[in-house]
PDB file of N, CA and C in Angstrom:
ATOM      1  N   MET A   1     129.489  73.870 306.294  1.00  0.00           N
ATOM      2  CA  MET A   1     130.212  73.207 307.340  1.00  0.00           C
ATOM      3  C   MET A   1     129.747  71.709 307.256  1.00  0.00           C
ATOM      4  N   ILE A   2     130.725  70.818 307.306  1.00  0.00           N
ATOM      5  CA  ILE A   2     130.352  69.369 307.549  1.00  0.00           C
ATOM      6  C   ILE A   2     130.224  69.187 309.170  1.00  0.00           C
ATOM      7  N   ILE A   3     129.119  68.488 309.414  1.00  0.00           N
ATOM      8  CA  ILE A   3     128.850  68.217 310.987  1.00  0.00           C
ATOM      9  C   ILE A   3     128.755  66.641 311.019  1.00  0.00           C
ATOM     10  N   GLY A   4     128.814  65.857 310.087  1.00  0.00           N
ATOM     11  CA  GLY A   4     128.812  64.379 310.135  1.00  0.00           C
ATOM     12  C   GLY A   4     129.217  63.541 308.952  1.00  0.00           C
ATOM     13  N   ALA A   5     129.405  62.222 309.092  1.00  0.00           N
ATOM     14  CA  ALA A   5     129.929  61.560 307.927  1.00  0.00           C
ATOM     15  C   ALA A   5     129.436  60.268 308.024  1.00  0.00           C
ATOM     16  N   HIS A   6     129.526  59.642 307.018  1.00  0.00           N
ATOM     17  CA  HIS A   6     129.006  57.960 306.940  1.00  0.00           C
ATOM     18  C   HIS A   6     130.277  57.453 306.039  1.00  0.00           C
ATOM     19  N   ALA A   7     131.073  56.583 306.634  1.00  0.00           N
ATOM     20  CA  ALA A   7     132.147  55.805 306.066  1.00  0.00           C
ATOM     21  C   ALA A   7     131.873  54.352 306.040  1.00  0.00           C
ATOM     22  N   ILE A   8     132.469  53.774 304.889  1.00  0.00           N
ATOM     23  CA  ILE A   8     132.470  52.147 304.836  1.00  0.00           C
ATOM     24  C   ILE A   8     133.826  51.795 304.458  1.00  0.00           C
ATOM     25  N   ILE A   9     134.320  50.874 305.333  1.00  0.00           N
ATOM     26  CA  ILE A   9     135.746  50.540 305.033  1.00  0.00           C
ATOM     27  C   ILE A   9     135.706  49.144 304.510  1.00  0.00           C
ATOM     28  N   SER A  10     136.249  48.906 303.608  1.00  0.00           N
ATOM     29  CA  SER A  10     136.492  47.462 302.931  1.00  0.00           C
ATOM     30  C   SER A  10     137.728  46.835 303.499  1.00  0.00           C
ATOM     31  N   ARG A  11     137.702  45.558 304.008  1.00  0.00           N
ATOM     32  CA  ARG A  11     138.938  45.208 304.800  1.00  0.00           C
ATOM     33  C   ARG A  11     139.068  43.800 304.583  1.00  0.00           C
ATOM     34  N   THR A  12     140.156  43.142 304.771  1.00  0.00           N
ATOM     35  CA  THR A  12     140.614  41.689 304.671  1.00  0.00           C
ATOM     36  C   THR A  12     140.586  41.156 305.981  1.00  0.00           C
ATOM     37  N   ASN A  13     140.894  41.591 307.192  1.00  0.00           N
ATOM     38  CA  ASN A  13     140.897  41.146 308.428  1.00  0.00           C
ATOM     39  C   ASN A  13     139.806  41.594 309.337  1.00  0.00           C
ATOM     40  N   ARG A  14     138.587  41.350 309.052  1.00  0.00           N
ATOM     41  CA  ARG A  14     137.561  41.941 309.850  1.00  0.00           C
ATOM     42  C   ARG A  14     137.634  41.639 311.353  1.00  0.00           C
ATOM     43  N   GLY A  15     137.980  40.693 311.910  1.00  0.00           N
ATOM     44  CA  GLY A  15     138.118  40.262 313.200  1.00  0.00           C
ATOM     45  C   GLY A  15     139.148  41.328 313.838  1.00  0.00           C
ATOM     46  N   ALA A  16     140.219  41.427 313.341  1.00  0.00           N
ATOM     47  CA  ALA A  16     141.383  42.436 313.785  1.00  0.00           C
ATOM     48  C   ALA A  16     140.931  43.821 313.840  1.00  0.00           C
ATOM     49  N   ASP A  17     140.233  44.193 312.763  1.00  0.00           N
ATOM     50  CA  ASP A  17     139.868  45.604 312.375  1.00  0.00           C
ATOM     51  C   ASP A  17     138.701  45.999 313.455  1.00  0.00           C
ATOM     52  N   ARG A  18     137.769  44.927 313.613  1.00  0.00           N
ATOM     53  CA  ARG A  18     136.509  45.107 314.391  1.00  0.00           C
ATOM     54  C   ARG A  18     137.182  45.187 316.012  1.00  0.00           C
ATOM     55  N   ALA A  19     138.054  44.514 316.446  1.00  0.00           N
ATOM     56  CA  ALA A  19     138.565  44.488 317.694  1.00  0.00           C
ATOM     57  C   ALA A  19     139.316  45.829 317.848  1.00  0.00           C
ATOM     58  N   PHE A  20     140.087  46.239 316.983  1.00  0.00           N
ATOM     59  CA  PHE A  20     140.845  47.535 316.946  1.00  0.00           C
ATOM     60  C   PHE A  20     139.846  48.710 317.496  1.00  0.00           C
ATOM     61  N   LEU A  21     138.844  48.821 316.452  1.00  0.00           N
ATOM     62  CA  LEU A  21     137.740  49.924 316.653  1.00  0.00           C
ATOM     63  C   LEU A  21     137.024  49.684 318.120  1.00  0.00           C
ATOM     64  N   ARG A  22     136.612  48.522 318.429  1.00  0.00           N
ATOM     65  CA  ARG A  22     135.914  48.308 319.639  1.00  0.00           C
ATOM     66  C   ARG A  22     136.672  48.476 320.797  1.00  0.00           C
ATOM     67  N   ASP A  23     137.803  47.784 320.879  1.00  0.00           N
ATOM     68  CA  ASP A  23     138.735  47.703 322.135  1.00  0.00           C
ATOM     69  C   ASP A  23     139.638  48.893 322.197  1.00  0.00           C
ATOM     70  N   VAL A  24     140.373  49.133 321.298  1.00  0.00           N
ATOM     71  CA  VAL A  24     141.404  50.333 321.294  1.00  0.00           C
ATOM     72  C   VAL A  24     140.808  51.636 321.395  1.00  0.00           C
ATOM     73  N   PHE A  25     140.006  51.990 320.312  1.00  0.00           N
ATOM     74  CA  PHE A  25     139.126  53.268 320.460  1.00  0.00           C
ATOM     75  C   PHE A  25     137.965  53.213 321.391  1.00  0.00           C
ATOM     76  N   ASP A  26     137.504  51.998 321.880  1.00  0.00           N
ATOM     77  CA  ASP A  26     136.583  51.997 322.749  1.00  0.00           C
ATOM     78  C   ASP A  26     135.289  52.607 322.278  1.00  0.00           C
ATOM     79  N   LEU A  27     134.898  52.333 321.045  1.00  0.00           N
ATOM     80  CA  LEU A  27     133.891  53.017 320.219  1.00  0.00           C
ATOM     81  C   LEU A  27     132.538  52.368 320.673  1.00  0.00           C
ATOM     82  N   PRO A  28     131.378  53.088 320.887  1.00  0.00           N
ATOM     83  CA  PRO A  28     130.118  52.419 320.910  1.00  0.00           C
ATOM     84  C   PRO A  28     129.743  51.753 319.568  1.00  0.00           C
ATOM     85  N   HIS A  29     128.990  50.578 319.600  1.00  0.00           N
ATOM     86  CA  HIS A  29     128.716  49.809 318.354  1.00  0.00           C
ATOM     87  C   HIS A  29     127.559  49.093 318.538  1.00  0.00           C
ATOM     88  N   VAL A  30     126.955  48.657 317.352  1.00  0.00           N
ATOM     89  CA  VAL A  30     125.775  48.036 317.298  1.00  0.00           C
ATOM     90  C   VAL A  30     126.061  46.701 316.393  1.00  0.00           C
ATOM     91  N   ASP A  31     125.626  45.475 316.818  1.00  0.00           N
ATOM     92  CA  ASP A  31     125.777  44.365 315.863  1.00  0.00           C
ATOM     93  C   ASP A  31     124.361  44.265 315.133  1.00  0.00           C
ATOM     94  N   VAL A  32     124.573  44.632 313.872  1.00  0.00           N
ATOM     95  CA  VAL A  32     123.407  44.668 312.868  1.00  0.00           C
ATOM     96  C   VAL A  32     122.909  43.348 312.479  1.00  0.00           C
ATOM     97  N   ARG A  33     123.783  42.399 312.257  1.00  0.00           N
ATOM     98  CA  ARG A  33     123.512  41.113 311.923  1.00  0.00           C
ATOM     99  C   ARG A  33     124.744  40.388 311.551  1.00  0.00           C
ATOM    100  N   GLU A  34     124.889  39.149 312.026  1.00  0.00           N
ATOM    101  CA  GLU A  34     125.944  38.101 311.663  1.00  0.00           C
ATOM    102  C   GLU A  34     127.229  38.816 311.862  1.00  0.00           C
ATOM    103  N   GLY A  35     127.399  39.573 312.824  1.00  0.00           N
ATOM    104  CA  GLY A  35     128.700  40.152 313.153  1.00  0.00           C
ATOM    105  C   GLY A  35     129.092  41.384 312.461  1.00  0.00           C
ATOM    106  N   TRP A  36     128.115  41.870 311.737  1.00  0.00           N
ATOM    107  CA  TRP A  36     128.422  43.275 311.083  1.00  0.00           C
ATOM    108  C   TRP A  36     128.252  44.243 312.192  1.00  0.00           C
ATOM    109  N   LEU A  37     129.276  45.023 312.638  1.00  0.00           N
ATOM    110  CA  LEU A  37     129.149  46.071 313.560  1.00  0.00           C
ATOM    111  C   LEU A  37     129.232  47.410 313.009  1.00  0.00           C
ATOM    112  N   ILE A  38     128.318  48.165 313.518  1.00  0.00           N
ATOM    113  CA  ILE A  38     128.421  49.726 313.034  1.00  0.00           C
ATOM    114  C   ILE A  38     128.847  50.528 314.421  1.00  0.00           C
ATOM    115  N   PHE A  39     129.846  51.108 314.087  1.00  0.00           N
ATOM    116  CA  PHE A  39     130.486  52.033 315.248  1.00  0.00           C
ATOM    117  C   PHE A  39     130.033  53.524 315.299  1.00  0.00           C
ATOM    118  N   GLY A  40     129.632  53.961 316.455  1.00  0.00           N
ATOM    119  CA  GLY A  40     129.366  55.267 316.502  1.00  0.00           C
ATOM    120  C   GLY A  40     130.457  56.329 316.555  1.00  0.00           C
ATOM    121  N   LEU A  41     130.405  57.208 315.744  1.00  0.00           N
ATOM    122  CA  LEU A  41     131.458  58.321 315.673  1.00  0.00           C
ATOM    123  C   LEU A  41     130.898  59.703 315.841  1.00  0.00           C
ATOM    124  N   PRO A  42     130.143  59.973 316.897  1.00  0.00           N
ATOM    125  CA  PRO A  42     129.328  61.210 316.987  1.00  0.00           C
ATOM    126  C   PRO A  42     129.859  62.350 316.350  1.00  0.00           C
ATOM    127  N   PRO A  43     129.154  63.082 315.540  1.00  0.00           N
ATOM    128  CA  PRO A  43     127.927  62.810 315.044  1.00  0.00           C
ATOM    129  C   PRO A  43     127.976  61.955 313.701  1.00  0.00           C
ATOM    130  N   SER A  44     128.770  60.867 313.480  1.00  0.00           N
ATOM    131  CA  SER A  44     128.919  60.206 312.421  1.00  0.00           C
ATOM    132  C   SER A  44     128.916  58.742 312.750  1.00  0.00           C
ATOM    133  N   GLU A  45     129.171  57.954 311.595  1.00  0.00           N
ATOM    134  CA  GLU A  45     129.395  56.533 311.780  1.00  0.00           C
ATOM    135  C   GLU A  45     130.395  56.014 310.820  1.00  0.00           C
ATOM    136  N   VAL A  46     130.802  54.782 311.140  1.00  0.00           N
ATOM    137  CA  VAL A  46     131.662  53.960 310.323  1.00  0.00           C
ATOM    138  C   VAL A  46     131.310  52.626 310.379  1.00  0.00           C
ATOM    139  N   ARG A  47     131.267  51.985 309.097  1.00  0.00           N
ATOM    140  CA  ARG A  47     131.115  50.546 309.086  1.00  0.00           C
ATOM    141  C   ARG A  47     132.205  49.873 308.238  1.00  0.00           C
ATOM    142  N   GLY A  48     132.486  48.547 308.456  1.00  0.00           N
ATOM    143  CA  GLY A  48     133.568  47.872 307.923  1.00  0.00           C
ATOM    144  C   GLY A  48     132.802  46.763 307.172  1.00  0.00           C
ATOM    145  N   ILE A  49     133.144  46.575 305.871  1.00  0.00           N
ATOM    146  CA  ILE A  49     132.421  45.423 305.199  1.00  0.00           C
ATOM    147  C   ILE A  49     133.689  44.478 304.600  1.00  0.00           C
ATOM    148  N   PRO A  50     133.427  43.351 304.248  1.00  0.00           N
ATOM    149  CA  PRO A  50     134.257  42.264 303.687  1.00  0.00           C
ATOM    150  C   PRO A  50     134.576  42.708 302.374  1.00  0.00           C
ATOM    151  N   PRO A  51     135.751  42.356 301.843  1.00  0.00           N
ATOM    152  CA  PRO A  51     136.048  42.510 300.433  1.00  0.00           C
ATOM    153  C   PRO A  51     135.023  41.800 299.472  1.00  0.00           C
ATOM    154  N   THR A  52     135.054  42.538 298.369  1.00  0.00           N
ATOM    155  CA  THR A  52     134.196  41.856 297.340  1.00  0.00           C
ATOM    156  C   THR A  52     134.231  40.587 297.079  1.00  0.00           C
ATOM    157  N   GLY A  53     133.183  39.653 297.028  1.00  0.00           N
ATOM    158  CA  GLY A  53     133.347  38.343 296.600  1.00  0.00           C
ATOM    159  C   GLY A  53     133.451  37.368 297.974  1.00  0.00           C
ATOM    160  N   THR A  54     133.196  38.013 299.061  1.00  0.00           N
ATOM    161  CA  THR A  54     133.233  37.214 300.307  1.00  0.00           C
ATOM    162  C   THR A  54     132.083  37.464 301.032  1.00  0.00           C
ATOM    163  N   THR A  55     131.787  36.579 301.957  1.00  0.00           N
ATOM    164  CA  THR A  55     130.612  36.831 302.887  1.00  0.00           C
ATOM    165  C   THR A  55     131.199  37.126 304.377  1.00  0.00           C
ATOM    166  N   CYS A  56     130.193  37.730 305.077  1.00  0.00           N
ATOM    167  CA  CYS A  56     130.408  38.037 306.426  1.00  0.00           C
ATOM    168  C   CYS A  56     129.800  37.258 307.371  1.00  0.00           C
ATOM    169  N   THR A  57     130.573  36.504 308.281  1.00  0.00           N
ATOM    170  CA  THR A  57     130.089  35.729 309.152  1.00  0.00           C
ATOM    171  C   THR A  57     130.736  35.987 310.514  1.00  0.00           C
ATOM    172  N   SER A  58     130.036  35.685 311.530  1.00  0.00           N
ATOM    173  CA  SER A  58     130.415  36.033 312.977  1.00  0.00           C
ATOM    174  C   SER A  58     131.834  35.464 313.149  1.00  0.00           C
TER     175      SER A  58
END
Protein backbone atom coordinates (compact mmCIF):
# COMPACT_ATOMS: atom_id res chain seq x y z
CA MET A 1 0.00 0.00 0.00
CA ILE A 2 1.28 3.50 -0.85
CA ILE A 3 0.70 5.94 2.00
CA GLY A 4 2.66 8.94 0.73
CA ALA A 5 4.34 10.48 -2.28
CA HIS A 6 6.87 13.14 -3.26
CA ALA A 7 6.26 14.93 -6.57
CA ILE A 8 8.25 17.64 -8.33
CA ILE A 9 6.52 19.66 -11.07
CA SER A 10 8.54 21.48 -13.71
CA ARG A 11 6.63 24.51 -14.96
CA THR A 12 6.92 27.66 -17.04
CA ASN A 13 4.63 30.03 -15.10
CA ARG A 14 5.70 29.48 -11.52
CA GLY A 15 3.81 32.53 -10.18
CA ALA A 16 0.46 31.34 -11.53
CA ASP A 17 1.07 27.74 -10.51
CA ARG A 18 2.19 28.76 -7.03
CA ALA A 19 -0.89 30.99 -6.60
CA PHE A 20 -3.18 28.19 -7.83
CA LEU A 21 -1.86 25.63 -5.35
CA ARG A 22 -1.72 28.18 -2.53
CA ASP A 23 -4.98 30.08 -3.08
CA VAL A 24 -7.36 27.70 -4.88
CA PHE A 25 -6.45 24.49 -3.05
CA ASP A 26 -5.49 26.43 0.11
CA LEU A 27 -2.57 24.05 0.69
CA PRO A 28 -0.24 24.61 3.62
CA HIS A 29 3.20 25.61 2.37
CA VAL A 30 6.72 26.57 3.37
CA ASP A 31 8.97 29.03 1.51
CA VAL A 32 12.30 27.20 1.57
CA ARG A 33 14.28 29.96 -0.19
CA GLU A 34 13.88 32.62 -2.85
CA GLY A 35 10.21 31.86 -3.50
CA TRP A 36 10.59 28.08 -3.71
CA LEU A 37 7.42 26.81 -2.06
CA ILE A 38 6.86 23.29 -0.79
CA PHE A 39 3.18 22.45 -0.40
CA GLY A 40 1.91 19.92 2.10
CA LEU A 41 -0.36 17.18 0.78
CA PRO A 42 -0.63 15.00 3.87
CA PRO A 43 0.89 12.52 4.02
CA SER A 44 2.88 13.66 0.98
CA GLU A 45 4.28 16.83 -0.58
CA VAL A 46 4.68 18.48 -3.98
CA ARG A 47 7.25 20.99 -5.16
CA GLY A 48 7.34 23.02 -8.37
CA ILE A 49 10.66 23.77 -10.02
CA PRO A 50 11.46 26.07 -12.96
CA PRO A 51 12.25 24.56 -16.37
CA THR A 52 15.83 23.48 -17.06
CA GLY A 53 18.16 26.38 -17.74
CA THR A 54 16.24 28.98 -15.73
CA THR A 55 16.73 30.30 -12.23
CA CYS A 56 14.15 30.71 -9.52
CA THR A 57 13.62 34.16 -8.08
CA SER A 58 10.87 35.49 -5.87
